[in-house]
Amino acid sequence: MSIRIAGVAVVAMWSCLAHSVGAEPARFDQDAERWVGDALLEIETVKVGMTRGQLLALFDTEGGVFSGLRRTYVYRRCPTIKVDVEFEAVGRPSRDAEGRVTMVESDQDLIMKMSRPYLAPAVID
């Protein structure tokens, strides 16, 4: 199952960010549009069923609230582009003796669900 991306919306938001105050509404930064398009194509290569290790080739972990099975990741080339990912534990228990989701993560965990990419400021712990 591939990631469905609202590319037009993301490109539009990114292009708006690239404009300076007073820029003409009909003009946009073609280099920024090309960069965002290329980034979205690269992000689309990550699919449900791939491993956390494969995801980490393009993304880094972000701070904030997370568990071993659910976390927000930031795109390595632009940390304001993020995805929320849910995993299935592989080769280890996903819950501790009290039934709580563990904080343990493995590069072998499988991606079960991934949000569309979105823009948001950095979360700093």
C-alpha atoms as a PDB file:
ATOM      1  CA  MET A   1       0.000   0.000   0.000  1.00  0.00           C
ATOM      2  CA  SER A   2       1.609   3.273  -1.035  1.00  0.00           C
ATOM      3  CA  ILE A   3       1.438   6.565   0.767  1.00  0.00           C
ATOM      4  CA  ARG A   4      -1.130   8.903  -0.767  1.00  0.00           C
ATOM      5  CA  ILE A   5       0.201  12.425  -0.661  1.00  0.00           C
ATOM      6  CA  ALA A   6      -1.709  15.636  -1.088  1.00  0.00           C
ATOM      7  CA  GLY A   7       1.193  16.950  -3.150  1.00  0.00           C
ATOM      8  CA  VAL A   8      -0.573  19.994  -4.492  1.00  0.00           C
ATOM      9  CA  ALA A   9      -1.429  21.191  -0.986  1.00  0.00           C
ATOM     10  CA  VAL A  10       2.101  20.629   0.307  1.00  0.00           C
ATOM     11  CA  VAL A  11       3.668  22.328  -2.721  1.00  0.00           C
ATOM     12  CA  ALA A  12       1.276  25.248  -2.314  1.00  0.00           C
ATOM     13  CA  MET A  13       2.112  25.608   1.393  1.00  0.00           C
ATOM     14  CA  TRP A  14       5.839  25.318   0.715  1.00  0.00           C
ATOM     15  CA  SER A  15       5.665  27.857  -2.102  1.00  0.00           C
ATOM     16  CA  CYS A  16       3.804  30.258   0.164  1.00  0.00           C
ATOM     17  CA  LEU A  17       6.552  29.909   2.762  1.00  0.00           C
ATOM     18  CA  ALA A  18       9.180  30.671   0.123  1.00  0.00           C
ATOM     19  CA  HIS A  19       7.580  33.997  -0.814  1.00  0.00           C
ATOM     20  CA  SER A  20       8.636  37.245   0.725  1.00  0.00           C
ATOM     21  CA  VAL A  21       6.057  39.769   1.889  1.00  0.00           C
ATOM     22  CA  GLY A  22       4.692  41.721  -1.062  1.00  0.00           C
ATOM     23  CA  ALA A  23       5.488  39.093  -3.691  1.00  0.00           C
ATOM     24  CA  GLU A  24       3.111  38.854  -6.621  1.00  0.00           C
ATOM     25  CA  PRO A  25       0.477  36.146  -5.992  1.00  0.00           C
ATOM     26  CA  ALA A  26       0.793  34.683  -9.520  1.00  0.00           C
ATOM     27  CA  ARG A  27       4.552  34.102  -9.214  1.00  0.00           C
ATOM     28  CA  PHE A  28       6.209  31.297  -7.309  1.00  0.00           C
ATOM     29  CA  ASP A  29       9.655  29.920  -6.742  1.00  0.00           C
ATOM     30  CA  GLN A  30      10.146  27.183  -9.342  1.00  0.00           C
ATOM     31  CA  ASP A  31      13.280  25.906  -7.621  1.00  0.00           C
ATOM     32  CA  ALA A  32      11.358  25.495  -4.347  1.00  0.00           C
ATOM     33  CA  GLU A  33       8.517  23.750  -6.173  1.00  0.00           C
ATOM     34  CA  ARG A  34      10.976  21.367  -7.854  1.00  0.00           C
ATOM     35  CA  TRP A  35      12.735  20.633  -4.535  1.00  0.00           C
ATOM     36  CA  VAL A  36       9.426  19.902  -2.773  1.00  0.00           C
ATOM     37  CA  GLY A  37       8.270  17.692  -5.661  1.00  0.00           C
ATOM     38  CA  ASP A  38      11.513  15.715  -5.523  1.00  0.00           C
ATOM     39  CA  ALA A  39      11.218  15.392  -1.735  1.00  0.00           C
ATOM     40  CA  LEU A  40       7.654  14.088  -2.017  1.00  0.00           C
ATOM     41  CA  LEU A  41       8.719  11.507  -4.602  1.00  0.00           C
ATOM     42  CA  GLU A  42      11.475  10.332  -2.264  1.00  0.00           C
ATOM     43  CA  ILE A  43       9.099  10.210   0.732  1.00  0.00           C
ATOM     44  CA  GLU A  44       6.599   8.174  -1.328  1.00  0.00           C
ATOM     45  CA  THR A  45       9.178   5.372  -1.547  1.00  0.00           C
ATOM     46  CA  VAL A  46       8.492   4.526   2.117  1.00  0.00           C
ATOM     47  CA  LYS A  47       5.555   2.134   2.271  1.00  0.00           C
ATOM     48  CA  VAL A  48       3.500   0.154   4.752  1.00  0.00           C
ATOM     49  CA  GLY A  49       5.228  -3.203   5.312  1.00  0.00           C
ATOM     50  CA  MET A  50       8.742  -1.760   5.220  1.00  0.00           C
ATOM     51  CA  THR A  51      10.917  -1.776   8.349  1.00  0.00           C
ATOM     52  CA  ARG A  52      11.765   0.991  10.797  1.00  0.00           C
ATOM     53  CA  GLY A  53      15.370   0.645   9.592  1.00  0.00           C
ATOM     54  CA  GLN A  54      14.310   1.391   6.010  1.00  0.00           C
ATOM     55  CA  LEU A  55      12.308   4.411   7.206  1.00  0.00           C
ATOM     56  CA  LEU A  56      15.374   5.705   9.055  1.00  0.00           C
ATOM     57  CA  ALA A  57      17.286   5.950   5.763  1.00  0.00           C
ATOM     58  CA  LEU A  58      15.137   9.038   4.957  1.00  0.00           C
ATOM     59  CA  PHE A  59      13.827  10.137   8.363  1.00  0.00           C
ATOM     60  CA  ASP A  60      15.101  10.921  11.859  1.00  0.00           C
ATOM     61  CA  THR A  61      13.190  10.576  15.101  1.00  0.00           C
ATOM     62  CA  GLU A  62      11.587  13.654  16.611  1.00  0.00           C
ATOM     63  CA  GLY A  63      11.247  14.498  20.285  1.00  0.00           C
ATOM     64  CA  GLY A  64       7.942  14.735  22.065  1.00  0.00           C
ATOM     65  CA  VAL A  65       5.587  12.006  23.244  1.00  0.00           C
ATOM     66  CA  PHE A  66       6.136   8.590  21.651  1.00  0.00           C
ATOM     67  CA  SER A  67       6.086   4.861  22.352  1.00  0.00           C
ATOM     68  CA  GLY A  68       7.976   1.955  20.869  1.00  0.00           C
ATOM     69  CA  LEU A  69       5.111   1.427  18.423  1.00  0.00           C
ATOM     70  CA  ARG A  70       4.097   4.998  17.522  1.00  0.00           C
ATOM     71  CA  ARG A  71       6.335   7.952  16.778  1.00  0.00           C
ATOM     72  CA  THR A  72       6.746  11.126  14.723  1.00  0.00           C
ATOM     73  CA  TYR A  73       9.644  11.245  12.262  1.00  0.00           C
ATOM     74  CA  VAL A  74      11.196  14.234  10.473  1.00  0.00           C
ATOM     75  CA  TYR A  75      12.484  14.161   6.904  1.00  0.00           C
ATOM     76  CA  ARG A  76      16.301  14.306   6.982  1.00  0.00           C
ATOM     77  CA  ARG A  77      16.528  16.961   4.242  1.00  0.00           C
ATOM     78  CA  CYS A  78      13.929  19.268   5.868  1.00  0.00           C
ATOM     79  CA  PRO A  79      12.861  18.629   9.479  1.00  0.00           C
ATOM     80  CA  THR A  80       9.669  20.675   9.118  1.00  0.00           C
ATOM     81  CA  ILE A  81       8.329  17.833   6.902  1.00  0.00           C
ATOM     82  CA  LYS A  82       7.016  15.109   9.218  1.00  0.00           C
ATOM     83  CA  VAL A  83       5.141  11.811   9.248  1.00  0.00           C
ATOM     84  CA  ASP A  84       3.474   9.914  12.085  1.00  0.00           C
ATOM     85  CA  VAL A  85       4.178   6.179  11.967  1.00  0.00           C
ATOM     86  CA  GLU A  86       2.709   3.136  13.729  1.00  0.00           C
ATOM     87  CA  PHE A  87       4.654  -0.120  13.910  1.00  0.00           C
ATOM     88  CA  GLU A  88       4.186  -3.798  14.649  1.00  0.00           C
ATOM     89  CA  ALA A  89       6.849  -5.199  16.960  1.00  0.00           C
ATOM     90  CA  VAL A  90       9.049  -7.882  15.361  1.00  0.00           C
ATOM     91  CA  GLY A  91      11.047 -10.388  17.409  1.00  0.00           C
ATOM     92  CA  ARG A  92      10.137  -8.901  20.798  1.00  0.00           C
ATOM     93  CA  PRO A  93       7.098  -8.413  23.004  1.00  0.00           C
ATOM     94  CA  SER A  94       5.211  -5.192  22.293  1.00  0.00           C
ATOM     95  CA  ARG A  95       3.924  -4.920  25.881  1.00  0.00           C
ATOM     96  CA  ASP A  96       5.519  -5.249  29.293  1.00  0.00           C
ATOM     97  CA  ALA A  97       4.314  -7.531  32.134  1.00  0.00           C
ATOM     98  CA  GLU A  98       1.679  -4.933  33.151  1.00  0.00           C
ATOM     99  CA  GLY A  99       0.311  -4.681  29.593  1.00  0.00           C
ATOM    100  CA  ARG A 100       1.861  -1.283  28.791  1.00  0.00           C
ATOM    101  CA  VAL A 101       3.358  -0.647  25.348  1.00  0.00           C
ATOM    102  CA  THR A 102       7.129  -0.856  25.717  1.00  0.00           C
ATOM    103  CA  MET A 103       9.511   1.923  24.773  1.00  0.00           C
ATOM    104  CA  VAL A 104      11.799  -0.598  23.063  1.00  0.00           C
ATOM    105  CA  GLU A 105      12.286   0.012  19.335  1.00  0.00           C
ATOM    106  CA  SER A 106      13.856  -2.252  16.726  1.00  0.00           C
ATOM    107  CA  ASP A 107      15.010  -1.559  13.183  1.00  0.00           C
ATOM    108  CA  GLN A 108      13.107  -4.760  12.255  1.00  0.00           C
ATOM    109  CA  ASP A 109       9.700  -3.412  13.404  1.00  0.00           C
ATOM    110  CA  LEU A 110       7.225  -3.223  10.507  1.00  0.00           C
ATOM    111  CA  ILE A 111       5.422  -0.067   9.414  1.00  0.00           C
ATOM    112  CA  MET A 112       1.690  -0.700   9.809  1.00  0.00           C
ATOM    113  CA  LYS A 113       0.383   2.835   9.235  1.00  0.00           C
ATOM    114  CA  MET A 114       1.965   6.087   8.072  1.00  0.00           C
ATOM    115  CA  SER A 115       0.387   9.522   7.853  1.00  0.00           C
ATOM    116  CA  ARG A 116       0.647  11.772   4.865  1.00  0.00           C
ATOM    117  CA  PRO A 117       3.619  14.131   5.123  1.00  0.00           C
ATOM    118  CA  TYR A 118       2.787  17.421   6.811  1.00  0.00           C
ATOM    119  CA  LEU A 119       4.558  20.629   7.772  1.00  0.00           C
ATOM    120  CA  ALA A 120       5.064  21.557  11.443  1.00  0.00           C
ATOM    121  CA  PRO A 121       7.684  23.349  13.543  1.00  0.00           C
ATOM    122  CA  ALA A 122      10.323  21.325  15.371  1.00  0.00           C
ATOM    123  CA  VAL A 123       9.573  19.737  18.730  1.00  0.00           C
ATOM    124  CA  ILE A 124      12.500  20.190  21.077  1.00  0.00           C
ATOM    125  CA  ASP A 125      12.712  18.220  24.327  1.00  0.00           C
END
